Amino acid sequence: MLETAGLTSHYGRIPALTGIDLKIAPGELVALVGANGAGKTTLLRALSGVQRVTAGEVRFEGVDITTARPDARVRLGIAQVPEGRQVFGPLSVEDNLLLGAYVRPLREARPALGRVYGMFPALAERRHLAAGMLSGGQQQMLAIGRALMAGPRLLLLDEPSMGLAPRLVTEIFAAIRALRAAGITIFLVDQNARAALAIADRGYVLETGRIVLAGAGAELAANEAVKRAYLGL
């Protein structure tokens, strides 16, 4: 579904990503782990079109999208849930969700809204409440729901468990597993490397803008170097 070849990106003259080669097959849940500052968020932003690619190629379902605008990528079926949730605080929960469907006709947005409320009943109960009044866990649900409103086939998740209590982390990861079971392809970045690799079909390890390891999620979780660096073992 998604493939990069030699993907490179800079901040000014400073390389943030260098020669990234990765593949994500339809229906897979692929995890990306690495230390803070390794370039994980930059990679997701490059895939969604927010971060400029300075060399290499990004292909989605065989189509070269390296220079495609972010909105064009959303229309193709790529949606990103950004780090830090970034909900529109003064707007209602429902208006936040409807903004996620701006690329779809209203006749498609209404059924999508019902599906999001079915997945996250807490949002349905608070649909008229300002998004800024929600708890951190509810805002993360809202950020995921907003992305789902675009009808994505590939969902890019950036640190969905950040700052959440353990119980809420369990709920968010259960939702991610449900999305995968529903057929949505997922590329997951999360500081909780143990939990991310536990549910991943495959994973990549990113260090200083380069992929240094790749393999099945269980294999990476059992790798001694990964365990020492990212799993606290």
C-alpha atoms as a PDB file:
ATOM      1  CA  MET A   1       0.000   0.000   0.000  1.00  0.00           C
ATOM      2  CA  LEU A   2       2.743   2.449   0.983  1.00  0.00           C
ATOM      3  CA  GLU A   3       6.398   2.362  -0.014  1.00  0.00           C
ATOM      4  CA  THR A   4       9.277   4.774   0.399  1.00  0.00           C
ATOM      5  CA  ALA A   5      12.619   4.557  -1.377  1.00  0.00           C
ATOM      6  CA  GLY A   6      15.574   6.619  -0.199  1.00  0.00           C
ATOM      7  CA  LEU A   7      13.266   9.128   1.503  1.00  0.00           C
ATOM      8  CA  THR A   8      15.299  12.055   2.802  1.00  0.00           C
ATOM      9  CA  SER A   9      14.131  15.249   4.483  1.00  0.00           C
ATOM     10  CA  HIS A  10      15.912  18.294   5.903  1.00  0.00           C
ATOM     11  CA  TYR A  11      15.227  21.111   8.314  1.00  0.00           C
ATOM     12  CA  GLY A  12      17.203  23.808   6.558  1.00  0.00           C
ATOM     13  CA  ARG A  13      20.612  22.243   5.978  1.00  0.00           C
ATOM     14  CA  ILE A  14      20.213  19.722   8.779  1.00  0.00           C
ATOM     15  CA  PRO A  15      19.154  16.219   7.667  1.00  0.00           C
ATOM     16  CA  ALA A  16      16.233  14.880   9.680  1.00  0.00           C
ATOM     17  CA  LEU A  17      15.695  11.683   7.672  1.00  0.00           C
ATOM     18  CA  THR A  18      18.213   9.927   5.458  1.00  0.00           C
ATOM     19  CA  GLY A  19      17.556   7.144   2.960  1.00  0.00           C
ATOM     20  CA  ILE A  20      14.388   5.736   4.495  1.00  0.00           C
ATOM     21  CA  ASP A  21      13.194   2.527   2.804  1.00  0.00           C
ATOM     22  CA  LEU A  22      10.000   1.009   4.165  1.00  0.00           C
ATOM     23  CA  LYS A  23       6.936  -0.882   3.010  1.00  0.00           C
ATOM     24  CA  ILE A  24       3.467  -1.207   4.498  1.00  0.00           C
ATOM     25  CA  ALA A  25       1.140  -3.821   3.032  1.00  0.00           C
ATOM     26  CA  PRO A  26      -2.665  -3.508   2.977  1.00  0.00           C
ATOM     27  CA  GLY A  27      -4.207  -4.489   6.307  1.00  0.00           C
ATOM     28  CA  GLU A  28      -0.933  -4.395   8.241  1.00  0.00           C
ATOM     29  CA  LEU A  29      -0.293  -2.692  11.543  1.00  0.00           C
ATOM     30  CA  VAL A  30       3.311  -1.489  11.403  1.00  0.00           C
ATOM     31  CA  ALA A  31       5.040   0.130  14.389  1.00  0.00           C
ATOM     32  CA  LEU A  32       7.886   2.654  14.319  1.00  0.00           C
ATOM     33  CA  VAL A  33       9.964   2.946  17.480  1.00  0.00           C
ATOM     34  CA  GLY A  34      12.940   5.074  18.389  1.00  0.00           C
ATOM     35  CA  ALA A  35      14.280   7.570  20.898  1.00  0.00           C
ATOM     36  CA  ASN A  36      13.033  11.138  21.187  1.00  0.00           C
ATOM     37  CA  GLY A  37      14.501  13.181  18.349  1.00  0.00           C
ATOM     38  CA  ALA A  38      15.095  10.143  16.119  1.00  0.00           C
ATOM     39  CA  GLY A  39      12.807  11.556  13.415  1.00  0.00           C
ATOM     40  CA  LYS A  40       9.619   9.537  13.970  1.00  0.00           C
ATOM     41  CA  THR A  41       7.215  12.477  13.778  1.00  0.00           C
ATOM     42  CA  THR A  42       9.140  13.933  10.835  1.00  0.00           C
ATOM     43  CA  LEU A  43       8.678  10.664   8.950  1.00  0.00           C
ATOM     44  CA  LEU A  44       4.920  10.653   9.542  1.00  0.00           C
ATOM     45  CA  ARG A  45       4.720  14.297   8.471  1.00  0.00           C
ATOM     46  CA  ALA A  46       6.664  13.465   5.298  1.00  0.00           C
ATOM     47  CA  LEU A  47       4.205  10.679   4.508  1.00  0.00           C
ATOM     48  CA  SER A  48       1.190  12.942   5.038  1.00  0.00           C
ATOM     49  CA  GLY A  49       2.753  15.757   2.998  1.00  0.00           C
ATOM     50  CA  VAL A  50       3.246  18.285   5.777  1.00  0.00           C
ATOM     51  CA  GLN A  51       7.037  17.885   5.776  1.00  0.00           C
ATOM     52  CA  ARG A  52       8.909  18.415   2.494  1.00  0.00           C
ATOM     53  CA  VAL A  53      10.788  15.453   1.038  1.00  0.00           C
ATOM     54  CA  THR A  54      14.162  16.577  -0.293  1.00  0.00           C
ATOM     55  CA  ALA A  55      15.175  13.298  -1.949  1.00  0.00           C
ATOM     56  CA  GLY A  56      13.753   9.869  -2.592  1.00  0.00           C
ATOM     57  CA  GLU A  57      10.205   8.783  -3.306  1.00  0.00           C
ATOM     58  CA  VAL A  58       6.880   8.050  -1.613  1.00  0.00           C
ATOM     59  CA  ARG A  59       4.391   5.783  -3.394  1.00  0.00           C
ATOM     60  CA  PHE A  60       0.829   5.038  -2.287  1.00  0.00           C
ATOM     61  CA  GLU A  61      -0.924   2.135  -3.976  1.00  0.00           C
ATOM     62  CA  GLY A  62       1.629   2.381  -6.769  1.00  0.00           C
ATOM     63  CA  VAL A  63       1.155   6.124  -7.346  1.00  0.00           C
ATOM     64  CA  ASP A  64       4.052   8.537  -6.805  1.00  0.00           C
ATOM     65  CA  ILE A  65       2.829  11.068  -4.215  1.00  0.00           C
ATOM     66  CA  THR A  66       6.225  12.533  -3.287  1.00  0.00           C
ATOM     67  CA  THR A  67       5.190  16.068  -4.229  1.00  0.00           C
ATOM     68  CA  ALA A  68       1.430  15.736  -3.663  1.00  0.00           C
ATOM     69  CA  ARG A  69      -0.240  18.291  -1.378  1.00  0.00           C
ATOM     70  CA  PRO A  70      -1.492  17.103   2.027  1.00  0.00           C
ATOM     71  CA  ASP A  71      -5.160  17.523   1.037  1.00  0.00           C
ATOM     72  CA  ALA A  72      -4.576  15.423  -2.081  1.00  0.00           C
ATOM     73  CA  ARG A  73      -3.156  12.650   0.099  1.00  0.00           C
ATOM     74  CA  VAL A  74      -6.222  12.791   2.337  1.00  0.00           C
ATOM     75  CA  ARG A  75      -8.417  12.363  -0.748  1.00  0.00           C
ATOM     76  CA  LEU A  76      -6.319   9.364  -1.779  1.00  0.00           C
ATOM     77  CA  GLY A  77      -6.944   7.749   1.603  1.00  0.00           C
ATOM     78  CA  ILE A  78      -4.153   8.821   3.988  1.00  0.00           C
ATOM     79  CA  ALA A  79      -5.044  10.471   7.300  1.00  0.00           C
ATOM     80  CA  GLN A  80      -2.784  11.442  10.189  1.00  0.00           C
ATOM     81  CA  VAL A  81      -3.588  11.691  13.886  1.00  0.00           C
ATOM     82  CA  PRO A  82      -1.020  14.259  15.023  1.00  0.00           C
ATOM     83  CA  GLU A  83       1.105  14.185  18.138  1.00  0.00           C
ATOM     84  CA  GLY A  84      -0.523  16.171  20.928  1.00  0.00           C
ATOM     85  CA  ARG A  85      -4.065  15.639  19.530  1.00  0.00           C
ATOM     86  CA  GLN A  86      -4.383  19.217  18.205  1.00  0.00           C
ATOM     87  CA  VAL A  87      -8.157  19.385  18.525  1.00  0.00           C
ATOM     88  CA  PHE A  88      -9.963  22.671  17.885  1.00  0.00           C
ATOM     89  CA  GLY A  89     -10.641  23.572  21.513  1.00  0.00           C
ATOM     90  CA  PRO A  90     -13.401  26.205  21.150  1.00  0.00           C
ATOM     91  CA  LEU A  91     -15.391  24.104  18.671  1.00  0.00           C
ATOM     92  CA  SER A  92     -17.798  21.372  19.708  1.00  0.00           C
ATOM     93  CA  VAL A  93     -16.866  17.699  19.549  1.00  0.00           C
ATOM     94  CA  GLU A  94     -19.223  17.223  16.612  1.00  0.00           C
ATOM     95  CA  ASP A  95     -17.841  20.198  14.694  1.00  0.00           C
ATOM     96  CA  ASN A  96     -14.315  18.829  15.199  1.00  0.00           C
ATOM     97  CA  LEU A  97     -15.430  15.528  13.721  1.00  0.00           C
ATOM     98  CA  LEU A  98     -17.223  17.134  10.781  1.00  0.00           C
ATOM     99  CA  LEU A  99     -14.085  19.115   9.963  1.00  0.00           C
ATOM    100  CA  GLY A 100     -12.342  15.771   9.547  1.00  0.00           C
ATOM    101  CA  ALA A 101     -14.768  14.966   6.737  1.00  0.00           C
ATOM    102  CA  TYR A 102     -14.141  18.120   4.697  1.00  0.00           C
ATOM    103  CA  VAL A 103     -13.077  16.046   1.680  1.00  0.00           C
ATOM    104  CA  ARG A 104     -16.319  14.032   1.704  1.00  0.00           C
ATOM    105  CA  PRO A 105     -19.874  15.004   0.732  1.00  0.00           C
ATOM    106  CA  LEU A 106     -22.281  15.543   3.622  1.00  0.00           C
ATOM    107  CA  ARG A 107     -24.272  12.433   2.683  1.00  0.00           C
ATOM    108  CA  GLU A 108     -21.170  10.374   3.524  1.00  0.00           C
ATOM    109  CA  ALA A 109     -20.167  12.408   6.576  1.00  0.00           C
ATOM    110  CA  ARG A 110     -23.341  11.706   8.553  1.00  0.00           C
ATOM    111  CA  PRO A 111     -23.025   7.891   8.469  1.00  0.00           C
ATOM    112  CA  ALA A 112     -19.309   8.243   9.270  1.00  0.00           C
ATOM    113  CA  LEU A 113     -20.243  10.337  12.294  1.00  0.00           C
ATOM    114  CA  GLY A 114     -22.479   7.544  13.532  1.00  0.00           C
ATOM    115  CA  ARG A 115     -19.666   5.008  13.174  1.00  0.00           C
ATOM    116  CA  VAL A 116     -17.262   7.187  15.174  1.00  0.00           C
ATOM    117  CA  TYR A 117     -19.845   7.656  17.926  1.00  0.00           C
ATOM    118  CA  GLY A 118     -20.377   3.890  17.952  1.00  0.00           C
ATOM    119  CA  MET A 119     -16.648   3.330  18.463  1.00  0.00           C
ATOM    120  CA  PHE A 120     -16.283   6.105  21.057  1.00  0.00           C
ATOM    121  CA  PRO A 121     -19.568   6.451  23.016  1.00  0.00           C
ATOM    122  CA  ALA A 122     -17.963   9.049  25.296  1.00  0.00           C
ATOM    123  CA  LEU A 123     -17.800  11.404  22.311  1.00  0.00           C
ATOM    124  CA  ALA A 124     -21.471  10.873  21.508  1.00  0.00           C
ATOM    125  CA  GLU A 125     -22.381  11.806  25.070  1.00  0.00           C
ATOM    126  CA  ARG A 126     -20.337  15.019  24.777  1.00  0.00           C
ATOM    127  CA  ARG A 127     -21.027  15.899  21.142  1.00  0.00           C
ATOM    128  CA  HIS A 128     -22.172  19.446  21.981  1.00  0.00           C
ATOM    129  CA  LEU A 129     -19.371  20.124  24.473  1.00  0.00           C
ATOM    130  CA  ALA A 130     -16.362  22.246  23.489  1.00  0.00           C
ATOM    131  CA  ALA A 131     -13.465  19.964  22.601  1.00  0.00           C
ATOM    132  CA  GLY A 132     -11.189  21.885  24.968  1.00  0.00           C
ATOM    133  CA  MET A 133     -13.350  20.717  27.889  1.00  0.00           C
ATOM    134  CA  LEU A 134     -12.603  17.030  27.260  1.00  0.00           C
ATOM    135  CA  SER A 135     -10.118  14.976  29.236  1.00  0.00           C
ATOM    136  CA  GLY A 136      -6.822  13.993  27.618  1.00  0.00           C
ATOM    137  CA  GLY A 137      -8.103  10.514  26.798  1.00  0.00           C
ATOM    138  CA  GLN A 138     -11.321  11.868  25.303  1.00  0.00           C
ATOM    139  CA  GLN A 139      -9.352  14.356  23.205  1.00  0.00           C
ATOM    140  CA  GLN A 140      -7.252  11.473  21.863  1.00  0.00           C
ATOM    141  CA  MET A 141     -10.422   9.617  20.948  1.00  0.00           C
ATOM    142  CA  LEU A 142     -11.617  12.777  19.229  1.00  0.00           C
ATOM    143  CA  ALA A 143      -8.360  13.139  17.282  1.00  0.00           C
ATOM    144  CA  ILE A 144      -8.623   9.534  16.082  1.00  0.00           C
ATOM    145  CA  GLY A 145     -12.315   9.967  15.269  1.00  0.00           C
ATOM    146  CA  ARG A 146     -11.612  13.144  13.302  1.00  0.00           C
ATOM    147  CA  ALA A 147      -9.094  11.269  11.144  1.00  0.00           C
ATOM    148  CA  LEU A 148     -11.555   8.410  10.618  1.00  0.00           C
ATOM    149  CA  MET A 149     -14.131  10.882   9.314  1.00  0.00           C
ATOM    150  CA  ALA A 150     -12.004  11.247   6.170  1.00  0.00           C
ATOM    151  CA  GLY A 151     -12.531   7.566   5.387  1.00  0.00           C
ATOM    152  CA  PRO A 152      -8.825   6.637   5.361  1.00  0.00           C
ATOM    153  CA  ARG A 153      -7.370   3.376   4.111  1.00  0.00           C
ATOM    154  CA  LEU A 154      -4.037   4.233   5.760  1.00  0.00           C
ATOM    155  CA  LEU A 155      -4.030   5.778   9.235  1.00  0.00           C
ATOM    156  CA  LEU A 156      -0.860   7.435  10.576  1.00  0.00           C
ATOM    157  CA  LEU A 157      -0.925   7.507  14.390  1.00  0.00           C
ATOM    158  CA  ASP A 158       1.604   9.725  16.156  1.00  0.00           C
ATOM    159  CA  GLU A 159       2.024   9.035  19.903  1.00  0.00           C
ATOM    160  CA  PRO A 160      -1.615   8.190  20.679  1.00  0.00           C
ATOM    161  CA  SER A 161      -0.847   7.133  24.269  1.00  0.00           C
ATOM    162  CA  MET A 162       1.255  10.171  25.194  1.00  0.00           C
ATOM    163  CA  GLY A 163       0.355  11.628  28.580  1.00  0.00           C
ATOM    164  CA  LEU A 164      -2.504   9.207  29.260  1.00  0.00           C
ATOM    165  CA  ALA A 165      -3.177   7.181  32.408  1.00  0.00           C
ATOM    166  CA  PRO A 166      -2.573   3.415  32.071  1.00  0.00           C
ATOM    167  CA  ARG A 167      -6.300   2.614  31.914  1.00  0.00           C
ATOM    168  CA  LEU A 168      -6.792   5.056  29.043  1.00  0.00           C
ATOM    169  CA  VAL A 169      -3.726   3.708  27.251  1.00  0.00           C
ATOM    170  CA  THR A 170      -5.369   0.284  27.347  1.00  0.00           C
ATOM    171  CA  GLU A 171      -8.564   1.743  25.865  1.00  0.00           C
ATOM    172  CA  ILE A 172      -6.704   3.551  23.068  1.00  0.00           C
ATOM    173  CA  PHE A 173      -4.731   0.441  22.103  1.00  0.00           C
ATOM    174  CA  ALA A 174      -7.943  -1.598  22.124  1.00  0.00           C
ATOM    175  CA  ALA A 175      -9.412   0.947  19.698  1.00  0.00           C
ATOM    176  CA  ILE A 176      -6.317   0.664  17.481  1.00  0.00           C
ATOM    177  CA  ARG A 177      -6.677  -3.122  17.385  1.00  0.00           C
ATOM    178  CA  ALA A 178     -10.358  -2.729  16.472  1.00  0.00           C
ATOM    179  CA  LEU A 179      -9.478  -0.390  13.608  1.00  0.00           C
ATOM    180  CA  ARG A 180      -6.939  -2.884  12.305  1.00  0.00           C
ATOM    181  CA  ALA A 181      -9.568  -5.652  12.555  1.00  0.00           C
ATOM    182  CA  ALA A 182     -11.926  -3.442  10.534  1.00  0.00           C
ATOM    183  CA  GLY A 183      -9.406  -3.449   7.677  1.00  0.00           C
ATOM    184  CA  ILE A 184      -7.684  -0.104   8.135  1.00  0.00           C
ATOM    185  CA  THR A 185      -3.939  -0.181   7.523  1.00  0.00           C
ATOM    186  CA  ILE A 186      -2.069   1.496  10.393  1.00  0.00           C
ATOM    187  CA  PHE A 187       1.401   3.004  10.788  1.00  0.00           C
ATOM    188  CA  LEU A 188       1.883   3.547  14.519  1.00  0.00           C
ATOM    189  CA  VAL A 189       4.440   5.674  16.349  1.00  0.00           C
ATOM    190  CA  ASP A 190       4.297   5.472  20.137  1.00  0.00           C
ATOM    191  CA  GLN A 191       6.622   6.116  23.060  1.00  0.00           C
ATOM    192  CA  ASN A 192       5.263   2.912  24.613  1.00  0.00           C
ATOM    193  CA  ALA A 193       7.433   0.683  22.439  1.00  0.00           C
ATOM    194  CA  ARG A 194       6.448  -2.458  24.319  1.00  0.00           C
ATOM    195  CA  ALA A 195       2.724  -1.938  23.668  1.00  0.00           C
ATOM    196  CA  ALA A 196       3.271  -0.830  20.065  1.00  0.00           C
ATOM    197  CA  LEU A 197       5.396  -3.855  19.137  1.00  0.00           C
ATOM    198  CA  ALA A 198       3.010  -6.198  20.974  1.00  0.00           C
ATOM    199  CA  ILE A 199       0.173  -5.412  18.542  1.00  0.00           C
ATOM    200  CA  ALA A 200       2.286  -4.829  15.416  1.00  0.00           C
ATOM    201  CA  ASP A 201       2.647  -7.242  12.519  1.00  0.00           C
ATOM    202  CA  ARG A 202       6.002  -5.668  11.732  1.00  0.00           C
ATOM    203  CA  GLY A 203       8.154  -2.877  13.066  1.00  0.00           C
ATOM    204  CA  TYR A 204      10.997  -0.532  12.228  1.00  0.00           C
ATOM    205  CA  VAL A 205      13.563   0.998  14.575  1.00  0.00           C
ATOM    206  CA  LEU A 206      14.642   4.545  13.744  1.00  0.00           C
ATOM    207  CA  GLU A 207      17.880   6.095  15.036  1.00  0.00           C
ATOM    208  CA  THR A 208      19.056   9.624  14.128  1.00  0.00           C
ATOM    209  CA  GLY A 209      16.949   9.672  10.968  1.00  0.00           C
ATOM    210  CA  ARG A 210      17.923   6.212   9.700  1.00  0.00           C
ATOM    211  CA  ILE A 211      16.223   2.829   9.920  1.00  0.00           C
ATOM    212  CA  VAL A 212      18.596   0.492  11.740  1.00  0.00           C
ATOM    213  CA  LEU A 213      16.381  -2.547  12.351  1.00  0.00           C
ATOM    214  CA  ALA A 214      13.266  -4.054  10.796  1.00  0.00           C
ATOM    215  CA  GLY A 215      11.326  -7.226  11.418  1.00  0.00           C
ATOM    216  CA  ALA A 216       8.219  -8.823  12.870  1.00  0.00           C
ATOM    217  CA  GLY A 217       6.846  -7.050  15.932  1.00  0.00           C
ATOM    218  CA  ALA A 218       7.501 -10.038  18.195  1.00  0.00           C
ATOM    219  CA  GLU A 219      11.048 -10.434  16.860  1.00  0.00           C
ATOM    220  CA  LEU A 220      11.902  -6.794  17.556  1.00  0.00           C
ATOM    221  CA  ALA A 221      10.348  -6.994  21.020  1.00  0.00           C
ATOM    222  CA  ALA A 222      12.639  -9.957  21.754  1.00  0.00           C
ATOM    223  CA  ASN A 223      15.746  -8.319  20.278  1.00  0.00           C
ATOM    224  CA  GLU A 224      18.262  -7.657  23.066  1.00  0.00           C
ATOM    225  CA  ALA A 225      19.370  -4.287  21.668  1.00  0.00           C
ATOM    226  CA  VAL A 226      15.760  -3.129  21.349  1.00  0.00           C
ATOM    227  CA  LYS A 227      14.950  -4.390  24.836  1.00  0.00           C
ATOM    228  CA  ARG A 228      17.854  -2.449  26.354  1.00  0.00           C
ATOM    229  CA  ALA A 229      17.259   0.762  24.400  1.00  0.00           C
ATOM    230  CA  TYR A 230      13.478   1.029  24.240  1.00  0.00           C
ATOM    231  CA  LEU A 231      11.798  -1.496  26.533  1.00  0.00           C
ATOM    232  CA  GLY A 232      13.714  -0.743  29.735  1.00  0.00           C
ATOM    233  CA  LEU A 233      14.939  -4.322  30.081  1.00  0.00           C
END
